[in-house]
C-alpha atoms as a PDB file:
ATOM      1  CA  MET A   1      -0.030   0.019  -0.003  1.00  0.00           C
ATOM      2  CA  LEU A   2       1.540   3.326  -1.023  1.00  0.00           C
ATOM      3  CA  ILE A   3      -0.969   5.669   0.218  1.00  0.00           C
ATOM      4  CA  GLU A   4      -1.640   7.008   3.642  1.00  0.00           C
ATOM      5  CA  GLY A   5      -4.917   5.484   5.029  1.00  0.00           C
ATOM      6  CA  TYR A   6      -7.842   7.188   6.652  1.00  0.00           C
ATOM      7  CA  PRO A   7      -7.901   7.651  10.483  1.00  0.00           C
ATOM      8  CA  PRO A   8      -9.308   4.598  12.358  1.00  0.00           C
ATOM      9  CA  GLU A   9     -12.548   6.283  13.168  1.00  0.00           C
ATOM     10  CA  VAL A  10     -13.186   7.106   9.530  1.00  0.00           C
ATOM     11  CA  GLU A  11     -12.310   3.511   8.501  1.00  0.00           C
ATOM     12  CA  ALA A  12     -14.851   2.277  11.123  1.00  0.00           C
ATOM     13  CA  ARG A  13     -17.694   4.454   9.632  1.00  0.00           C
ATOM     14  CA  MET A  14     -16.625   3.427   6.067  1.00  0.00           C
ATOM     15  CA  LYS A  15     -16.989  -0.268   7.024  1.00  0.00           C
ATOM     16  CA  ALA A  16     -20.277   0.222   8.777  1.00  0.00           C
ATOM     17  CA  LEU A  17     -21.631   2.088   5.757  1.00  0.00           C
ATOM     18  CA  TYR A  18     -20.299  -0.583   3.324  1.00  0.00           C
ATOM     19  CA  GLU A  19     -22.006  -3.327   5.256  1.00  0.00           C
ATOM     20  CA  SER A  20     -25.396  -1.500   5.294  1.00  0.00           C
ATOM     21  CA  LEU A  21     -25.472  -1.191   1.506  1.00  0.00           C
ATOM     22  CA  ASN A  22     -26.957  -3.636  -1.132  1.00  0.00           C
ATOM     23  CA  GLU A  23     -24.509  -5.314  -3.365  1.00  0.00           C
ATOM     24  CA  LYS A  24     -24.737  -2.930  -6.331  1.00  0.00           C
ATOM     25  CA  ASP A  25     -24.162   0.108  -4.012  1.00  0.00           C
ATOM     26  CA  ARG A  26     -21.269  -1.670  -2.315  1.00  0.00           C
ATOM     27  CA  ARG A  27     -19.508  -2.160  -5.586  1.00  0.00           C
ATOM     28  CA  ARG A  28     -19.942   1.515  -6.461  1.00  0.00           C
ATOM     29  CA  TYR A  29     -19.076   2.745  -3.128  1.00  0.00           C
ATOM     30  CA  ALA A  30     -15.803   0.701  -3.039  1.00  0.00           C
ATOM     31  CA  ALA A  31     -15.023   1.932  -6.609  1.00  0.00           C
ATOM     32  CA  ILE A  32     -15.578   5.543  -5.987  1.00  0.00           C
ATOM     33  CA  GLU A  33     -13.477   5.469  -2.713  1.00  0.00           C
ATOM     34  CA  ALA A  34     -10.608   3.681  -4.609  1.00  0.00           C
ATOM     35  CA  ASP A  35     -10.844   6.009  -7.547  1.00  0.00           C
ATOM     36  CA  LYS A  36     -10.553   9.193  -5.437  1.00  0.00           C
ATOM     37  CA  LEU A  37      -7.514   7.786  -3.693  1.00  0.00           C
ATOM     38  CA  GLY A  38      -5.589   7.291  -6.909  1.00  0.00           C
ATOM     39  CA  HIS A  39      -2.536   4.969  -6.959  1.00  0.00           C
ATOM     40  CA  GLY A  40      -2.784   2.340  -4.230  1.00  0.00           C
ATOM     41  CA  GLY A  41      -6.339   3.166  -3.531  1.00  0.00           C
ATOM     42  CA  GLN A  42      -7.729  -0.181  -4.999  1.00  0.00           C
ATOM     43  CA  THR A  43      -5.459  -2.223  -2.673  1.00  0.00           C
ATOM     44  CA  TYR A  44      -6.278  -0.122   0.345  1.00  0.00           C
ATOM     45  CA  ILE A  45     -10.036  -0.233  -0.165  1.00  0.00           C
ATOM     46  CA  VAL A  46     -10.107  -3.946  -0.981  1.00  0.00           C
ATOM     47  CA  GLU A  47      -8.244  -4.633   2.321  1.00  0.00           C
ATOM     48  CA  LEU A  48     -10.221  -2.122   4.331  1.00  0.00           C
ATOM     49  CA  LEU A  49     -13.728  -3.220   3.157  1.00  0.00           C
ATOM     50  CA  GLY A  50     -12.898  -6.826   2.713  1.00  0.00           C
ATOM     51  CA  CYS A  51     -14.211  -6.912  -0.846  1.00  0.00           C
ATOM     52  CA  ASP A  52     -12.767  -8.764  -3.779  1.00  0.00           C
ATOM     53  CA  TYR A  53     -10.766  -7.080  -6.603  1.00  0.00           C
ATOM     54  CA  LYS A  54     -13.356  -8.342  -9.095  1.00  0.00           C
ATOM     55  CA  THR A  55     -16.116  -6.530  -7.155  1.00  0.00           C
ATOM     56  CA  LEU A  56     -14.139  -3.327  -7.056  1.00  0.00           C
ATOM     57  CA  ARG A  57     -13.287  -3.622 -10.849  1.00  0.00           C
ATOM     58  CA  ARG A  58     -16.943  -4.263 -11.647  1.00  0.00           C
ATOM     59  CA  GLY A  59     -17.943  -1.189  -9.645  1.00  0.00           C
ATOM     60  CA  LEU A  60     -15.498   0.838 -11.554  1.00  0.00           C
ATOM     61  CA  ASP A  61     -16.815  -0.412 -14.857  1.00  0.00           C
ATOM     62  CA  GLU A  62     -20.430   0.452 -13.698  1.00  0.00           C
ATOM     63  CA  LEU A  63     -19.353   3.972 -12.856  1.00  0.00           C
ATOM     64  CA  ASP A  64     -17.861   4.422 -16.293  1.00  0.00           C
ATOM     65  CA  HIS A  65     -20.805   2.554 -18.005  1.00  0.00           C
ATOM     66  CA  PRO A  66     -23.911   2.665 -15.844  1.00  0.00           C
ATOM     67  CA  PRO A  67     -26.496  -0.114 -16.540  1.00  0.00           C
ATOM     68  CA  ASP A  68     -29.617   1.037 -18.349  1.00  0.00           C
ATOM     69  CA  LEU A  69     -32.224   0.467 -15.589  1.00  0.00           C
ATOM     70  CA  PRO A  70     -35.589   2.201 -15.031  1.00  0.00           C
ATOM     71  CA  PRO A  71     -35.476   4.665 -12.098  1.00  0.00           C
ATOM     72  CA  GLY A  72     -35.964   2.851  -8.804  1.00  0.00           C
ATOM     73  CA  ARG A  73     -34.748  -0.478  -9.974  1.00  0.00           C
ATOM     74  CA  ILE A  74     -31.498  -2.074  -8.778  1.00  0.00           C
ATOM     75  CA  ARG A  75     -31.635  -5.076 -10.987  1.00  0.00           C
ATOM     76  CA  LYS A  76     -32.790  -5.823 -14.630  1.00  0.00           C
ATOM     77  CA  LYS A  77     -36.477  -6.737 -14.925  1.00  0.00           C
ATOM     78  CA  GLY A  78     -36.827 -10.612 -14.514  1.00  0.00           C
ATOM     79  CA  GLY A  79     -34.051 -10.914 -12.012  1.00  0.00           C
ATOM     80  CA  PRO A  80     -34.630 -12.547  -8.496  1.00  0.00           C
ATOM     81  CA  PRO A  81     -36.482 -10.442  -6.030  1.00  0.00           C
ATOM     82  CA  VAL A  82     -34.569  -8.246  -3.501  1.00  0.00           C
ATOM     83  CA  LEU A  83     -35.312  -9.450  -0.022  1.00  0.00           C
ATOM     84  CA  SER A  84     -34.797  -6.877   2.803  1.00  0.00           C
END
């Protein structure tokens, strides 16, 4: 890791927020955090949040190329229902 990490209290809040999100929002949150940190950010965020590099890369791709979904939908029509 080549970057200076966030203070422990910020890391704790980031982890709590990450755990409260649905899978799509987790990917995008991890991606935006890694993106704003620049070089070394992906490794730091993967280790901090405990997500997979594939998850992070998919989130980055979704930020660059958002899926075409109707407003209020988190999955394409016909996918499995989201259980709360």
